[in-house]
């Protein structure tokens, strides 16, 4: 199971835009050191502006998804919608805030994962949503 999770994290990492991978690679001197909790992979970054949560959303075929709602906790001010390239940015997240990240789009399974925002720098995420089989209107 650990090997499968590692492979999924690696594939998501490869699907990310080069700019996001570049920033995440600077998060630690030994590479991005992402950690995965299901369909969401997180990496901290000292080069991302403080209070910023940025990332990239794809489907299970590694295609960018637009219109995806990404929420950090329950405060609606801490949410964003992914653009046509699947990228999102949420700003002004308080350091140390522990909350669930919830990612949703009609026709796809909602992804949710608990995390704690870093005390310094920002947070990066690679998110893969799985299509709901036989979903009407998709």
C-alpha atoms as a PDB file:
ATOM      1  CA  UNK A   1       0.000   0.000   0.000  1.00  0.00           C
ATOM      2  CA  UNK A   2       2.866   2.375   0.817  1.00  0.00           C
ATOM      3  CA  UNK A   3       4.395   1.734  -2.627  1.00  0.00           C
ATOM      4  CA  UNK A   4       1.088   2.508  -4.362  1.00  0.00           C
ATOM      5  CA  UNK A   5       0.725   5.767  -2.426  1.00  0.00           C
ATOM      6  CA  UNK A   6       4.309   6.718  -3.349  1.00  0.00           C
ATOM      7  CA  UNK A   7       3.586   6.046  -7.033  1.00  0.00           C
ATOM      8  CA  UNK A   8       0.394   8.124  -6.942  1.00  0.00           C
ATOM      9  CA  UNK A   9       2.246  11.021  -5.270  1.00  0.00           C
ATOM     10  CA  UNK A  10       4.984  10.787  -7.902  1.00  0.00           C
ATOM     11  CA  UNK A  11       2.487  10.818 -10.780  1.00  0.00           C
ATOM     12  CA  UNK A  12       0.639  13.806  -9.335  1.00  0.00           C
ATOM     13  CA  UNK A  13       3.936  15.577  -8.887  1.00  0.00           C
ATOM     14  CA  UNK A  14       4.799  15.012 -12.551  1.00  0.00           C
ATOM     15  CA  UNK A  15       1.384  16.349 -13.620  1.00  0.00           C
ATOM     16  CA  UNK A  16       1.945  19.648 -11.816  1.00  0.00           C
ATOM     17  CA  UNK A  17       2.940  22.720 -13.805  1.00  0.00           C
ATOM     18  CA  UNK A  18       6.732  23.286 -13.864  1.00  0.00           C
ATOM     19  CA  UNK A  19       6.364  26.561 -11.940  1.00  0.00           C
ATOM     20  CA  UNK A  20       4.609  24.807  -9.044  1.00  0.00           C
ATOM     21  CA  UNK A  21       7.171  21.977  -9.000  1.00  0.00           C
ATOM     22  CA  UNK A  22       9.985  24.546  -9.014  1.00  0.00           C
ATOM     23  CA  UNK A  23       8.588  26.397  -6.010  1.00  0.00           C
ATOM     24  CA  UNK A  24       7.918  23.167  -4.120  1.00  0.00           C
ATOM     25  CA  UNK A  25      11.401  21.854  -4.848  1.00  0.00           C
ATOM     26  CA  UNK A  26      12.748  24.820  -2.904  1.00  0.00           C
ATOM     27  CA  UNK A  27      10.649  23.867   0.133  1.00  0.00           C
ATOM     28  CA  UNK A  28      13.461  21.753   1.531  1.00  0.00           C
ATOM     29  CA  UNK A  29      17.125  21.311   0.585  1.00  0.00           C
ATOM     30  CA  UNK A  30      16.459  17.659  -0.295  1.00  0.00           C
ATOM     31  CA  UNK A  31      13.525  18.252  -2.674  1.00  0.00           C
ATOM     32  CA  UNK A  32       9.845  18.894  -2.142  1.00  0.00           C
ATOM     33  CA  UNK A  33       9.267  16.234   0.532  1.00  0.00           C
ATOM     34  CA  UNK A  34       5.523  16.174  -0.132  1.00  0.00           C
ATOM     35  CA  UNK A  35       3.197  14.223   2.121  1.00  0.00           C
ATOM     36  CA  UNK A  36       0.030  12.657   0.828  1.00  0.00           C
ATOM     37  CA  UNK A  37      -3.270  12.096   2.548  1.00  0.00           C
ATOM     38  CA  UNK A  38      -5.384  10.405  -0.100  1.00  0.00           C
ATOM     39  CA  UNK A  39      -6.018  12.502  -3.208  1.00  0.00           C
ATOM     40  CA  UNK A  40      -4.340  15.598  -1.717  1.00  0.00           C
ATOM     41  CA  UNK A  41      -0.547  15.958  -1.561  1.00  0.00           C
ATOM     42  CA  UNK A  42       0.842  18.799   0.575  1.00  0.00           C
ATOM     43  CA  UNK A  43       4.308  20.380   0.686  1.00  0.00           C
ATOM     44  CA  UNK A  44       5.427  23.365   2.747  1.00  0.00           C
ATOM     45  CA  UNK A  45       7.391  26.130   1.060  1.00  0.00           C
ATOM     46  CA  UNK A  46       9.484  28.922   2.514  1.00  0.00           C
ATOM     47  CA  UNK A  47       9.460  30.653  -0.896  1.00  0.00           C
ATOM     48  CA  UNK A  48       5.662  30.854  -1.087  1.00  0.00           C
ATOM     49  CA  UNK A  49       4.380  34.096   0.479  1.00  0.00           C
ATOM     50  CA  UNK A  50       3.349  33.736   4.121  1.00  0.00           C
ATOM     51  CA  UNK A  51      -0.315  32.923   4.481  1.00  0.00           C
ATOM     52  CA  UNK A  52      -0.628  31.603   0.917  1.00  0.00           C
ATOM     53  CA  UNK A  53      -2.024  28.213  -0.066  1.00  0.00           C
ATOM     54  CA  UNK A  54      -1.444  27.484  -3.755  1.00  0.00           C
ATOM     55  CA  UNK A  55      -1.902  24.416  -5.865  1.00  0.00           C
ATOM     56  CA  UNK A  56      -3.060  22.515  -8.886  1.00  0.00           C
ATOM     57  CA  UNK A  57      -6.133  20.278  -9.396  1.00  0.00           C
ATOM     58  CA  UNK A  58      -6.361  17.450 -11.949  1.00  0.00           C
ATOM     59  CA  UNK A  59      -8.694  14.595 -12.723  1.00  0.00           C
ATOM     60  CA  UNK A  60      -7.579  10.966 -12.539  1.00  0.00           C
ATOM     61  CA  UNK A  61      -6.294  11.266 -16.139  1.00  0.00           C
ATOM     62  CA  UNK A  62      -3.998  14.177 -15.089  1.00  0.00           C
ATOM     63  CA  UNK A  63      -6.027  16.807 -16.989  1.00  0.00           C
ATOM     64  CA  UNK A  64      -6.374  20.205 -15.332  1.00  0.00           C
ATOM     65  CA  UNK A  65      -9.803  20.849 -13.817  1.00  0.00           C
ATOM     66  CA  UNK A  66     -11.365  24.325 -13.880  1.00  0.00           C
ATOM     67  CA  UNK A  67     -14.119  25.502 -11.555  1.00  0.00           C
ATOM     68  CA  UNK A  68     -13.040  23.362  -8.617  1.00  0.00           C
ATOM     69  CA  UNK A  69     -13.867  24.869  -5.214  1.00  0.00           C
ATOM     70  CA  UNK A  70     -10.956  24.638  -2.752  1.00  0.00           C
ATOM     71  CA  UNK A  71     -11.728  25.555   0.868  1.00  0.00           C
ATOM     72  CA  UNK A  72      -9.263  25.826   3.752  1.00  0.00           C
ATOM     73  CA  UNK A  73     -11.485  25.364   6.789  1.00  0.00           C
ATOM     74  CA  UNK A  74     -15.022  26.714   7.128  1.00  0.00           C
ATOM     75  CA  UNK A  75     -14.317  30.414   6.595  1.00  0.00           C
ATOM     76  CA  UNK A  76     -15.602  31.300   3.089  1.00  0.00           C
ATOM     77  CA  UNK A  77     -12.879  33.966   2.839  1.00  0.00           C
ATOM     78  CA  UNK A  78     -10.309  31.132   2.833  1.00  0.00           C
ATOM     79  CA  UNK A  79     -11.469  29.588  -0.427  1.00  0.00           C
ATOM     80  CA  UNK A  80     -10.769  29.844  -4.147  1.00  0.00           C
ATOM     81  CA  UNK A  81     -11.937  28.441  -7.465  1.00  0.00           C
ATOM     82  CA  UNK A  82      -9.386  26.778  -9.756  1.00  0.00           C
ATOM     83  CA  UNK A  83      -8.796  28.556 -13.074  1.00  0.00           C
ATOM     84  CA  UNK A  84      -8.788  26.944 -16.550  1.00  0.00           C
ATOM     85  CA  UNK A  85      -5.284  25.604 -15.849  1.00  0.00           C
ATOM     86  CA  UNK A  86      -6.420  23.921 -12.623  1.00  0.00           C
ATOM     87  CA  UNK A  87      -4.462  26.398 -10.473  1.00  0.00           C
ATOM     88  CA  UNK A  88      -5.793  28.041  -7.333  1.00  0.00           C
ATOM     89  CA  UNK A  89      -4.538  30.478  -4.692  1.00  0.00           C
ATOM     90  CA  UNK A  90      -5.917  31.179  -1.227  1.00  0.00           C
ATOM     91  CA  UNK A  91      -4.355  34.032   0.742  1.00  0.00           C
ATOM     92  CA  UNK A  92      -4.322  35.373   4.322  1.00  0.00           C
ATOM     93  CA  UNK A  93      -4.410  32.009   6.082  1.00  0.00           C
ATOM     94  CA  UNK A  94      -3.301  32.413   9.706  1.00  0.00           C
ATOM     95  CA  UNK A  95      -0.098  30.581  10.679  1.00  0.00           C
ATOM     96  CA  UNK A  96      -0.768  27.419  12.672  1.00  0.00           C
ATOM     97  CA  UNK A  97      -4.435  27.166  11.623  1.00  0.00           C
ATOM     98  CA  UNK A  98      -5.530  23.517  11.737  1.00  0.00           C
ATOM     99  CA  UNK A  99      -8.419  22.798   9.395  1.00  0.00           C
ATOM    100  CA  UNK A 100      -9.835  20.450   6.799  1.00  0.00           C
ATOM    101  CA  UNK A 101      -9.071  21.219   3.179  1.00  0.00           C
ATOM    102  CA  UNK A 102     -12.194  20.377   1.161  1.00  0.00           C
ATOM    103  CA  UNK A 103     -12.058  20.184  -2.631  1.00  0.00           C
ATOM    104  CA  UNK A 104     -15.232  19.751  -4.678  1.00  0.00           C
ATOM    105  CA  UNK A 105     -16.585  19.830  -8.222  1.00  0.00           C
ATOM    106  CA  UNK A 106     -19.906  18.468  -9.527  1.00  0.00           C
ATOM    107  CA  UNK A 107     -19.393  15.050 -11.096  1.00  0.00           C
ATOM    108  CA  UNK A 108     -16.305  14.275  -8.970  1.00  0.00           C
ATOM    109  CA  UNK A 109     -15.778  12.746  -5.533  1.00  0.00           C
ATOM    110  CA  UNK A 110     -15.160  15.395  -2.899  1.00  0.00           C
ATOM    111  CA  UNK A 111     -11.643  15.229  -1.471  1.00  0.00           C
ATOM    112  CA  UNK A 112     -11.033  16.193   2.153  1.00  0.00           C
ATOM    113  CA  UNK A 113      -7.898  16.155   4.259  1.00  0.00           C
ATOM    114  CA  UNK A 114      -6.927  17.702   7.576  1.00  0.00           C
ATOM    115  CA  UNK A 115      -3.738  19.734   7.731  1.00  0.00           C
ATOM    116  CA  UNK A 116      -2.104  22.493   9.742  1.00  0.00           C
ATOM    117  CA  UNK A 117      -0.925  25.634   7.999  1.00  0.00           C
ATOM    118  CA  UNK A 118       2.824  26.153   8.518  1.00  0.00           C
ATOM    119  CA  UNK A 119       4.117  28.720  10.993  1.00  0.00           C
ATOM    120  CA  UNK A 120       6.397  30.208   8.313  1.00  0.00           C
ATOM    121  CA  UNK A 121       6.007  30.359   4.542  1.00  0.00           C
ATOM    122  CA  UNK A 122       3.137  28.868   2.600  1.00  0.00           C
ATOM    123  CA  UNK A 123       1.553  25.584   1.669  1.00  0.00           C
ATOM    124  CA  UNK A 124       1.477  23.873  -1.730  1.00  0.00           C
ATOM    125  CA  UNK A 125      -0.991  21.198  -2.813  1.00  0.00           C
ATOM    126  CA  UNK A 126      -1.411  18.799  -5.706  1.00  0.00           C
ATOM    127  CA  UNK A 127      -4.959  17.466  -5.823  1.00  0.00           C
ATOM    128  CA  UNK A 128      -6.408  14.636  -7.909  1.00  0.00           C
ATOM    129  CA  UNK A 129     -10.182  14.296  -8.107  1.00  0.00           C
ATOM    130  CA  UNK A 130     -11.856  11.084  -9.173  1.00  0.00           C
ATOM    131  CA  UNK A 131     -14.899  11.210 -11.464  1.00  0.00           C
ATOM    132  CA  UNK A 132     -18.085   9.742 -10.003  1.00  0.00           C
ATOM    133  CA  UNK A 133     -19.137   6.817 -12.236  1.00  0.00           C
ATOM    134  CA  UNK A 134     -22.320   7.329 -14.257  1.00  0.00           C
ATOM    135  CA  UNK A 135     -22.858  10.844 -12.938  1.00  0.00           C
ATOM    136  CA  UNK A 136     -25.727  12.525 -14.757  1.00  0.00           C
ATOM    137  CA  UNK A 137     -24.893  15.808 -16.410  1.00  0.00           C
ATOM    138  CA  UNK A 138     -21.125  15.180 -16.545  1.00  0.00           C
END
